[in-house]
Amino acid sequence: MQMNPTLQLPIFTELQQCADKLGLEAYVIGGFVRDLVLKRESKDIDIVVVGDALPLAKAFALLHKQSDFAVFKNFGTAMVKTADWEVEFVSSRKESYQSNSRKPMVSQGTLIDDQNRRDFTINALAISINKNTFGQFIDPFGGLIDIENKIIKTPLAPDITFSDDPLRMLRAIRFASQLGFTILPETFEAIQQNAERINIISYERISEELNKILLSPKPSVGLKLLFDSGLLKLVFKELYNMHGVEVKNGKAHKDNFHHTIHVVDNICEETNNLWLRWAALLHDIGKPSTKRFIEAEGGWKFHGHEDKGSRMVSTIFNNLKLPQNEKMRYVQKLVALHHRPKALAEDGVTDSAIRRLIVDTGDDLEDLFTLCRADMTTRFAEKIALYKGNLNKVQQFVKEVEERDELRNWQPPITGEMIMETFKLQPCKEVGIIKNHIREAILDGKIKNDFNEAFEYMKTIAAELGIRL
């Protein structure tokens, strides 16, 4: 194979010189080599050393005095972070596993031992960095052919690979989604047979793989593989429960799981925002628990599914060990509001409704419309055209009202503190009532978004409550 230009970069010359000076046999291995073949950019380099890797790591770190250098004695590894690269050094090893843990017993091994322990053939490729054999591929499992054929398979028997470390099942699916590769049938069957083993994996590791699937070019590939493998039911039951179609009196609803993964694919065409992609994944998560057949309303209905779904987000994020912070609240908000623009278009757009949408959404209004566009999954072109037209109409109204009323990130001009100070009140429910009346009056257009008008209206509401100046 012709020398890849990346291997001619100064960093590889430095690694070669350090290894040869120390008399160490060293190789670039794993994902960096895979991405090199695929012409994908990568800044993470894994170096495996036959023998002790720490001397090579120290020698390389000395060439980069401004780098971060860390040694992980428990794992026998070291990391050097330069301005441009993150290089991990590991001693070649072999591993054996016990059934109740994915943490292996490790002993010193040869290069082939190290390649044997890799998860997939495409990640078991190594390239020599020693001068006499520089650039030579060591490919004992046909990884280069598998890359060419876009195949994911394990170096050893897949049952052993997945039983030893069940996280590899999620990694197989993630690579299929990221790279557009196909999991070999017997490899996928082994995932199905070992699916229950996923229960020994922490949710921190599971959510890390789910995030990478959501960030892939077409997440539906990975999400459908999770479903078909049996893993989705085990790691994310709320999403699994969305599948299926029920028919009653000849009327059926759509399969909400397949609709959802279509929506996720749609939104990926517009954004790389992971949390907006999560909002797309969870936008209809409340439908299974709100599903009702109402003949008088034409069949299957999901009344309140957006509110129910929004309330489910916190529990789902907690279960998956995803952040319980502003990212979670952002997803909650978009799930709660995702149906609002469609409802506005169907029920009639009023200034009052638009004001409420602007105030409730704040800085996330554009993201809400991105989610609404992604939610168009019908196969009927005329329906798509109608929905897009309605959504555009709502957006135009939003633009006009925003320009006129300046409501983005709006807070009423009268605060609770002003109300208490004016009427010499302690904190009480009447303060909240007055403040809410002012807010509603401005949003309904009864008074202008103006301090003086709001102050006079405050006095009127206070008087109705029996509160005097």
Protein backbone atom coordinates (compact mmCIF):
# COMPACT_ATOMS: atom_id res chain seq x y z
CA MET A 1 0.00 0.00 0.00
CA GLN A 2 1.28 3.49 -0.90
CA MET A 3 2.55 5.60 2.01
CA ASN A 4 -0.24 7.77 3.38
CA PRO A 5 0.76 11.48 3.47
CA THR A 6 -0.39 11.70 7.11
CA LEU A 7 2.37 9.30 8.15
CA GLN A 8 4.92 11.77 6.75
CA LEU A 9 3.92 14.44 9.28
CA PRO A 10 6.61 15.47 11.82
CA ILE A 11 4.85 13.74 14.72
CA PHE A 12 5.43 10.31 13.18
CA THR A 13 9.07 11.10 12.50
CA GLU A 14 9.42 12.05 16.17
CA LEU A 15 7.72 8.85 17.34
CA GLN A 16 9.91 6.77 15.04
CA GLN A 17 13.14 8.36 16.25
CA CYS A 18 12.16 7.98 19.92
CA ALA A 19 11.19 4.32 19.46
CA ASP A 20 14.33 3.44 17.51
CA LYS A 21 16.61 5.23 19.99
CA LEU A 22 15.06 3.22 22.83
CA GLY A 23 15.14 0.00 20.80
CA LEU A 24 11.37 -0.43 21.16
CA GLU A 25 9.04 -2.11 18.71
CA ALA A 26 6.08 0.29 18.27
CA TYR A 27 2.96 0.59 16.13
CA VAL A 28 0.12 2.98 15.45
CA ILE A 29 -3.02 0.93 16.07
CA GLY A 30 -6.79 1.03 16.24
CA GLY A 31 -9.17 3.81 15.27
CA PHE A 32 -6.51 6.17 13.94
CA VAL A 33 -5.40 3.58 11.40
CA ARG A 34 -9.00 2.84 10.42
CA ASP A 35 -9.70 6.54 9.90
CA LEU A 36 -6.43 6.92 7.98
CA VAL A 37 -7.64 4.30 5.49
CA LEU A 38 -11.10 5.89 5.33
CA LYS A 39 -9.55 9.36 4.88
CA ARG A 40 -11.35 10.60 7.99
CA GLU A 41 -9.60 13.25 10.07
CA SER A 42 -8.49 12.12 13.52
CA LYS A 43 -6.31 13.77 16.13
CA ASP A 44 -6.27 10.82 18.56
CA ILE A 45 -3.32 8.47 18.04
CA ASP A 46 -2.96 5.13 19.84
CA ILE A 47 0.58 3.72 20.04
CA VAL A 48 1.11 0.12 21.16
CA VAL A 49 4.59 -0.86 22.31
CA VAL A 50 5.80 -4.44 22.54
CA GLY A 51 7.22 -4.32 26.06
CA ASP A 52 6.98 -1.24 28.29
CA ALA A 53 5.27 1.77 26.71
CA LEU A 54 6.17 4.32 29.41
CA PRO A 55 9.77 5.03 28.27
CA LEU A 56 8.51 5.90 24.78
CA ALA A 57 5.78 8.13 26.23
CA LYS A 58 8.31 9.99 28.40
CA ALA A 59 10.76 10.43 25.51
CA PHE A 60 8.01 11.81 23.27
CA ALA A 61 6.74 14.14 26.02
CA LEU A 62 10.25 15.60 26.41
CA LEU A 63 10.09 16.73 22.77
CA HIS A 64 6.88 18.63 23.57
CA LYS A 65 7.67 20.50 26.77
CA GLN A 66 4.39 22.47 26.62
CA SER A 67 2.32 19.28 26.40
CA ASP A 68 0.19 17.69 29.10
CA PHE A 69 1.72 14.40 30.19
CA ALA A 70 -0.16 11.89 32.36
CA VAL A 71 0.72 8.35 33.44
CA PHE A 72 -2.03 5.88 34.42
CA LYS A 73 -0.10 3.26 36.39
CA ASN A 74 -3.13 1.07 37.08
CA PHE A 75 -3.63 0.60 33.35
CA GLY A 76 0.01 0.74 32.27
CA THR A 77 -0.74 3.57 29.87
CA ALA A 78 0.31 7.18 29.35
CA MET A 79 -1.18 10.15 27.54
CA VAL A 80 0.57 13.08 25.88
CA LYS A 81 -1.61 15.99 24.75
CA THR A 82 0.08 18.47 22.43
CA ALA A 83 -1.52 21.50 20.81
CA ASP A 84 -2.54 19.39 17.81
CA TRP A 85 -2.56 15.76 18.92
CA GLU A 86 -3.64 13.44 21.70
CA VAL A 87 -1.30 10.43 21.81
CA GLU A 88 -1.96 7.44 24.05
CA PHE A 89 0.81 4.91 24.71
CA VAL A 90 -0.03 1.37 25.81
CA SER A 91 2.01 -1.77 26.30
CA SER A 92 0.91 -4.72 24.16
CA ARG A 93 -1.20 -7.06 26.27
CA LYS A 94 -3.53 -9.99 26.30
CA GLU A 95 -6.78 -10.14 28.23
CA SER A 96 -9.08 -12.67 29.85
CA TYR A 97 -12.55 -11.98 31.24
CA GLN A 98 -14.86 -13.20 33.98
CA SER A 99 -18.58 -13.50 33.29
CA ASN A 100 -19.73 -10.86 35.80
CA SER A 101 -17.47 -8.03 34.65
CA ARG A 102 -16.25 -6.29 31.52
CA LYS A 103 -12.95 -5.47 33.27
CA PRO A 104 -10.35 -7.96 32.03
CA MET A 105 -7.40 -9.59 33.72
CA VAL A 106 -4.42 -8.22 31.83
CA SER A 107 -0.96 -9.66 31.20
CA GLN A 108 1.95 -8.75 28.97
CA GLY A 109 1.52 -9.93 25.40
CA THR A 110 2.72 -9.74 21.82
CA LEU A 111 1.41 -7.47 19.08
CA ILE A 112 -0.89 -10.24 17.83
CA ASP A 113 -2.19 -10.73 21.39
CA ASP A 114 -3.04 -7.04 21.43
CA GLN A 115 -4.76 -7.24 18.07
CA ASN A 116 -6.73 -10.29 19.24
CA ARG A 117 -8.26 -8.27 22.07
CA ARG A 118 -9.55 -5.54 19.73
CA ASP A 119 -13.31 -5.27 19.21
CA PHE A 120 -13.53 -5.36 15.39
CA THR A 121 -11.27 -6.24 12.48
CA ILE A 122 -11.40 -2.63 11.25
CA ASN A 123 -9.98 -1.53 14.63
CA ALA A 124 -7.28 -4.22 14.81
CA LEU A 125 -5.09 -2.74 12.08
CA ALA A 126 -1.56 -1.68 13.04
CA ILE A 127 1.15 0.26 11.20
CA SER A 128 4.82 -0.02 12.11
CA ILE A 129 6.57 3.22 13.05
CA ASN A 130 10.08 1.73 13.33
CA LYS A 131 12.49 2.92 10.65
CA ASN A 132 13.19 -0.46 8.99
CA THR A 133 9.48 -1.31 8.58
CA PHE A 134 7.94 2.19 8.69
CA GLY A 135 4.45 2.34 7.16
CA GLN A 136 4.04 -1.46 6.99
CA PHE A 137 0.49 -2.68 7.72
CA ILE A 138 -0.03 -5.58 10.10
CA ASP A 139 -3.51 -6.88 9.29
CA PRO A 140 -4.01 -10.43 10.63
CA PHE A 141 -7.82 -10.40 10.36
CA GLY A 142 -8.44 -8.85 6.95
CA GLY A 143 -9.44 -5.45 8.32
CA LEU A 144 -8.42 -3.65 5.13
CA ILE A 145 -10.73 -5.84 3.07
CA ASP A 146 -13.53 -5.29 5.59
CA ILE A 147 -13.06 -1.52 5.31
CA GLU A 148 -13.20 -1.81 1.54
CA ASN A 149 -16.39 -3.90 1.77
CA LYS A 150 -17.83 -1.76 4.58
CA ILE A 151 -18.19 -4.72 6.93
CA ILE A 152 -18.16 -4.84 10.73
CA LYS A 153 -17.09 -8.15 12.23
CA THR A 154 -15.08 -9.31 15.21
CA PRO A 155 -11.49 -10.65 15.06
CA LEU A 156 -12.40 -13.68 17.19
CA ALA A 157 -15.70 -15.56 17.57
CA PRO A 158 -18.38 -12.86 18.06
CA ASP A 159 -20.02 -14.72 20.96
CA ILE A 160 -16.74 -14.51 22.91
CA THR A 161 -16.11 -10.89 21.92
CA PHE A 162 -19.56 -9.67 23.04
CA SER A 163 -19.85 -11.86 26.11
CA ASP A 164 -16.42 -10.68 27.32
CA ASP A 165 -17.24 -6.99 26.85
CA PRO A 166 -20.93 -6.28 26.10
CA LEU A 167 -20.22 -2.60 25.41
CA ARG A 168 -18.81 -3.82 22.09
CA MET A 169 -22.37 -4.59 20.97
CA LEU A 170 -23.26 -0.91 21.22
CA ARG A 171 -19.96 0.04 19.58
CA ALA A 172 -20.72 -2.24 16.61
CA ILE A 173 -24.04 -0.48 16.12
CA ARG A 174 -22.48 2.93 16.61
CA PHE A 175 -19.80 2.23 13.97
CA ALA A 176 -22.48 1.00 11.56
CA SER A 177 -24.31 4.30 12.05
CA GLN A 178 -21.21 6.52 11.95
CA LEU A 179 -19.49 4.88 8.98
CA GLY A 180 -22.43 3.54 6.98
CA PHE A 181 -21.08 -0.01 7.37
CA THR A 182 -23.03 -3.27 7.60
CA ILE A 183 -22.72 -5.60 10.57
CA LEU A 184 -21.95 -9.12 9.33
CA PRO A 185 -25.07 -11.35 9.84
CA GLU A 186 -23.36 -13.82 12.18
CA THR A 187 -21.92 -10.89 14.15
CA PHE A 188 -25.38 -9.34 14.47
CA GLU A 189 -26.87 -12.68 15.53
CA ALA A 190 -24.28 -12.82 18.31
CA ILE A 191 -25.42 -9.35 19.46
CA GLN A 192 -29.01 -10.59 19.60
CA GLN A 193 -27.96 -13.70 21.54
CA ASN A 194 -25.88 -11.73 24.03
CA ALA A 195 -28.15 -8.69 24.38
CA GLU A 196 -28.97 -9.38 28.04
CA ARG A 197 -25.26 -9.04 28.87
CA ILE A 198 -25.66 -5.27 28.36
CA ASN A 199 -27.05 -5.15 31.91
CA ILE A 200 -23.52 -5.22 33.36
CA ILE A 201 -22.60 -2.00 31.53
CA SER A 202 -22.95 1.36 33.30
CA TYR A 203 -25.42 3.85 31.90
CA GLU A 204 -22.63 6.42 31.61
CA ARG A 205 -21.01 4.20 28.95
CA ILE A 206 -24.37 3.40 27.32
CA SER A 207 -25.36 7.07 26.99
CA GLU A 208 -21.93 7.86 25.54
CA GLU A 209 -22.65 5.42 22.70
CA LEU A 210 -26.23 6.72 22.29
CA ASN A 211 -24.87 10.25 21.92
CA LYS A 212 -22.43 9.10 19.25
CA ILE A 213 -25.25 7.35 17.38
CA LEU A 214 -27.33 10.55 17.53
CA LEU A 215 -24.36 12.53 16.21
CA SER A 216 -23.87 10.16 13.26
CA PRO A 217 -24.90 11.27 9.74
CA LYS A 218 -28.04 9.08 9.73
CA PRO A 219 -28.95 8.05 13.29
CA SER A 220 -31.92 5.94 12.16
CA VAL A 221 -29.39 3.29 11.04
CA GLY A 222 -28.13 2.85 14.59
CA LEU A 223 -31.54 3.31 16.26
CA LYS A 224 -33.12 0.63 14.07
CA LEU A 225 -30.22 -1.74 14.75
CA LEU A 226 -30.68 -1.14 18.48
CA PHE A 227 -34.34 -2.05 18.08
CA ASP A 228 -33.73 -5.14 15.92
CA SER A 229 -30.95 -6.42 18.18
CA GLY A 230 -33.10 -6.34 21.32
CA LEU A 231 -30.77 -3.83 22.98
CA LEU A 232 -33.18 -0.89 22.78
CA LYS A 233 -35.77 -2.66 24.93
CA LEU A 234 -33.09 -3.18 27.58
CA VAL A 235 -31.39 0.22 27.64
CA PHE A 236 -34.13 2.66 26.57
CA LYS A 237 -37.56 1.11 27.10
CA GLU A 238 -39.48 4.40 26.68
CA LEU A 239 -38.26 4.67 23.09
CA TYR A 240 -38.82 0.96 22.42
CA ASN A 241 -42.44 1.28 23.64
CA MET A 242 -43.21 3.69 20.79
CA HIS A 243 -43.13 0.94 18.18
CA GLY A 244 -46.16 -0.81 16.76
CA VAL A 245 -49.49 0.05 15.16
CA GLU A 246 -52.89 -0.55 16.75
CA VAL A 247 -56.02 -0.85 14.63
CA LYS A 248 -59.56 -0.26 15.92
CA ASN A 249 -62.76 0.03 13.88
CA GLY A 250 -60.60 -0.07 10.79
CA LYS A 251 -58.55 2.96 11.90
CA ALA A 252 -54.82 2.80 12.62
CA HIS A 253 -52.29 5.27 13.97
CA LYS A 254 -48.77 5.55 12.55
CA ASP A 255 -45.84 3.68 14.05
CA ASN A 256 -44.43 6.36 16.34
CA PHE A 257 -41.00 4.71 16.63
CA HIS A 258 -40.40 4.76 12.89
CA HIS A 259 -41.86 8.27 12.66
CA THR A 260 -39.45 9.39 15.40
CA ILE A 261 -36.29 8.01 13.80
CA HIS A 262 -37.38 9.65 10.52
CA VAL A 263 -37.71 12.99 12.38
CA VAL A 264 -34.22 12.52 13.85
CA ASP A 265 -32.77 11.93 10.37
CA ASN A 266 -34.59 15.03 9.10
CA ILE A 267 -33.22 17.27 11.85
CA CYS A 268 -29.68 16.01 11.24
CA GLU A 269 -29.83 17.64 7.81
CA GLU A 270 -30.13 21.02 9.53
CA THR A 271 -28.16 20.82 12.77
CA ASN A 272 -25.26 19.16 14.59
CA ASN A 273 -26.66 20.27 17.96
CA LEU A 274 -26.72 17.07 20.04
CA TRP A 275 -29.44 18.34 22.40
CA LEU A 276 -31.68 19.47 19.56
CA ARG A 277 -31.29 15.94 18.16
CA TRP A 278 -32.30 14.60 21.59
CA ALA A 279 -35.38 16.85 21.45
CA ALA A 280 -36.25 15.28 18.09
CA LEU A 281 -35.76 11.79 19.55
CA LEU A 282 -38.04 12.56 22.51
CA HIS A 283 -40.60 14.89 20.91
CA ASP A 284 -43.34 12.21 20.84
CA ILE A 285 -42.12 10.14 23.80
CA GLY A 286 -45.38 10.84 25.65
CA LYS A 287 -47.59 9.30 22.95
CA PRO A 288 -47.75 5.68 24.20
CA SER A 289 -49.12 6.76 27.60
CA THR A 290 -51.61 9.28 26.15
CA LYS A 291 -52.94 7.14 23.29
CA ARG A 292 -56.76 6.96 23.25
CA PHE A 293 -59.30 5.87 20.63
CA ILE A 294 -61.99 8.56 20.43
CA GLU A 295 -64.53 7.72 17.74
CA ALA A 296 -66.22 11.13 17.97
CA GLU A 297 -62.90 12.82 17.14
CA GLY A 298 -62.09 10.55 14.23
CA GLY A 299 -60.02 7.79 15.78
CA TRP A 300 -56.68 7.65 17.61
CA LYS A 301 -55.72 10.72 19.63
CA PHE A 302 -52.73 11.65 21.79
CA HIS A 303 -54.08 14.61 23.73
CA GLY A 304 -51.47 16.20 25.98
CA HIS A 305 -48.63 14.04 24.70
CA GLU A 306 -46.30 17.04 24.47
CA ASP A 307 -46.87 17.96 28.14
CA LYS A 308 -46.55 14.31 29.23
CA GLY A 309 -43.40 13.90 27.14
CA SER A 310 -41.83 17.03 28.58
CA ARG A 311 -42.42 15.71 32.11
CA MET A 312 -40.78 12.39 31.13
CA VAL A 313 -37.55 14.04 29.94
CA SER A 314 -36.07 14.52 33.42
CA THR A 315 -36.63 10.87 34.37
CA ILE A 316 -35.20 9.62 31.06
CA PHE A 317 -32.11 11.84 31.40
CA ASN A 318 -31.66 10.69 34.97
CA ASN A 319 -31.96 7.00 34.02
CA LEU A 320 -29.48 7.39 31.17
CA LYS A 321 -27.09 9.46 33.33
CA LEU A 322 -27.43 12.40 30.96
CA PRO A 323 -26.97 15.93 32.38
CA GLN A 324 -29.65 17.26 34.74
CA ASN A 325 -28.94 20.90 33.86
CA GLU A 326 -29.81 23.53 31.28
CA LYS A 327 -29.34 20.97 28.47
CA MET A 328 -32.09 18.80 29.96
CA ARG A 329 -34.33 21.85 30.49
CA TYR A 330 -33.75 22.89 26.86
CA VAL A 331 -34.94 19.45 25.68
CA GLN A 332 -37.92 19.64 28.06
CA LYS A 333 -38.92 23.01 26.65
CA LEU A 334 -38.75 21.95 23.00
CA VAL A 335 -40.68 18.74 23.67
CA ALA A 336 -43.38 20.74 25.49
CA LEU A 337 -43.66 23.31 22.68
CA HIS A 338 -43.09 21.20 19.56
CA HIS A 339 -46.80 21.02 18.70
CA ARG A 340 -47.56 24.69 19.39
CA PRO A 341 -46.67 26.22 15.96
CA LYS A 342 -48.74 23.54 14.15
CA ALA A 343 -51.68 24.16 16.48
CA LEU A 344 -51.40 27.92 15.93
CA ALA A 345 -51.50 27.48 12.17
CA GLU A 346 -54.56 25.22 12.38
CA ASP A 347 -56.50 27.21 15.00
CA GLY A 348 -55.75 30.66 13.63
CA VAL A 349 -52.77 32.89 14.32
CA THR A 350 -53.42 35.72 16.78
CA ASP A 351 -51.03 38.32 18.13
CA SER A 352 -51.71 37.06 21.64
CA ALA A 353 -50.80 33.45 20.75
CA ILE A 354 -47.66 34.58 18.93
CA ARG A 355 -46.58 36.70 21.91
CA ARG A 356 -46.94 33.69 24.19
CA LEU A 357 -44.92 31.51 21.81
CA ILE A 358 -42.11 34.08 21.70
CA VAL A 359 -42.04 34.54 25.47
CA ASP A 360 -42.29 30.82 26.28
CA THR A 361 -39.56 29.85 23.80
CA GLY A 362 -37.09 32.70 24.33
CA ASP A 363 -33.73 32.23 22.61
CA ASP A 364 -34.72 28.76 21.37
CA LEU A 365 -37.38 29.89 18.89
CA GLU A 366 -35.30 29.09 15.79
CA ASP A 367 -34.52 25.64 17.19
CA LEU A 368 -38.24 25.05 17.78
CA PHE A 369 -38.99 25.82 14.13
CA THR A 370 -36.14 23.52 13.07
CA LEU A 371 -37.78 20.75 15.10
CA CYS A 372 -41.17 21.52 13.56
CA ARG A 373 -39.76 21.28 10.03
CA ALA A 374 -38.15 17.94 10.89
CA ASP A 375 -41.51 16.67 12.16
CA MET A 376 -42.89 16.59 8.59
CA THR A 377 -42.69 12.90 7.67
CA THR A 378 -45.79 12.26 5.58
CA ARG A 379 -45.21 10.67 2.17
CA PHE A 380 -47.86 12.92 0.61
CA ALA A 381 -46.25 15.91 -1.09
CA GLU A 382 -49.40 18.05 -0.87
CA LYS A 383 -49.52 17.62 2.92
CA ILE A 384 -45.86 18.60 3.23
CA ALA A 385 -46.49 21.68 1.11
CA LEU A 386 -49.50 22.66 3.23
CA TYR A 387 -47.63 22.15 6.50
CA LYS A 388 -44.59 24.10 5.29
CA GLY A 389 -46.86 26.93 4.14
CA ASN A 390 -48.58 27.04 7.52
CA LEU A 391 -45.27 26.97 9.39
CA ASN A 392 -43.89 29.77 7.20
CA LYS A 393 -47.01 31.79 7.97
CA VAL A 394 -46.46 31.36 11.71
CA GLN A 395 -42.78 32.33 11.36
CA GLN A 396 -43.75 35.48 9.47
CA PHE A 397 -46.19 36.45 12.21
CA VAL A 398 -43.47 35.83 14.79
CA LYS A 399 -41.10 38.12 12.92
CA GLU A 400 -43.67 40.91 12.72
CA VAL A 401 -44.69 40.68 16.38
CA GLU A 402 -41.06 40.45 17.54
CA GLU A 403 -40.09 43.56 15.63
CA ARG A 404 -43.07 45.45 17.00
CA ASP A 405 -43.20 44.26 20.63
CA GLU A 406 -39.56 43.37 21.42
CA LEU A 407 -40.52 40.26 23.40
CA ARG A 408 -37.48 38.00 23.02
CA ASN A 409 -36.29 36.98 26.51
CA TRP A 410 -39.02 39.26 27.82
CA GLN A 411 -39.81 39.89 31.46
CA PRO A 412 -42.83 41.98 32.56
CA PRO A 413 -41.88 45.61 33.36
CA ILE A 414 -43.29 45.23 36.89
CA THR A 415 -41.45 42.82 39.19
CA GLY A 416 -42.64 41.14 42.35
CA GLU A 417 -40.27 43.36 44.36
CA MET A 418 -41.88 46.50 42.87
CA ILE A 419 -45.35 45.24 43.81
CA MET A 420 -44.30 44.53 47.42
CA GLU A 421 -42.56 47.88 47.74
CA THR A 422 -45.48 49.84 46.26
CA PHE A 423 -48.12 48.29 48.51
CA LYS A 424 -45.87 47.62 51.53
CA LEU A 425 -46.53 43.87 51.26
CA GLN A 426 -44.60 40.86 52.50
CA PRO A 427 -44.24 37.90 50.11
CA CYS A 428 -47.76 36.48 49.61
CA LYS A 429 -50.00 34.91 46.96
CA GLU A 430 -51.51 38.32 46.07
CA VAL A 431 -48.12 39.47 44.76
CA GLY A 432 -48.05 36.51 42.36
CA ILE A 433 -51.67 37.14 41.29
CA ILE A 434 -50.96 40.80 40.46
CA LYS A 435 -47.74 39.94 38.61
CA ASN A 436 -49.48 37.23 36.58
CA HIS A 437 -52.38 39.56 35.67
CA ILE A 438 -49.90 42.12 34.32
CA ARG A 439 -48.09 39.45 32.30
CA GLU A 440 -51.32 38.11 30.82
CA ALA A 441 -52.65 41.58 30.03
CA ILE A 442 -49.51 42.44 28.05
CA LEU A 443 -49.51 39.11 26.19
CA ASP A 444 -53.23 39.47 25.41
CA GLY A 445 -52.68 43.01 24.11
CA LYS A 446 -54.89 44.67 26.75
CA ILE A 447 -52.02 46.97 27.71
CA LYS A 448 -48.74 47.84 26.05
CA ASN A 449 -45.38 46.40 27.08
CA ASP A 450 -44.72 49.66 28.88
CA PHE A 451 -43.85 50.47 32.51
CA ASN A 452 -46.38 53.28 32.98
CA GLU A 453 -49.31 51.32 31.57
CA ALA A 454 -48.29 48.26 33.56
CA PHE A 455 -48.00 50.34 36.75
CA GLU A 456 -51.52 51.74 36.35
CA TYR A 457 -52.88 48.29 35.58
CA MET A 458 -51.13 46.97 38.71
CA LYS A 459 -53.04 49.49 40.82
CA THR A 460 -56.33 48.45 39.20
CA ILE A 461 -55.78 44.75 39.91
CA ALA A 462 -54.61 45.50 43.46
CA ALA A 463 -57.77 47.50 44.11
CA GLU A 464 -59.90 44.58 42.88
CA LEU A 465 -58.09 42.40 45.44
CA GLY A 466 -58.82 44.93 48.18
CA ILE A 467 -55.23 46.21 48.36
CA ARG A 468 -54.79 49.96 48.66
CA LEU A 469 -51.77 52.23 48.34
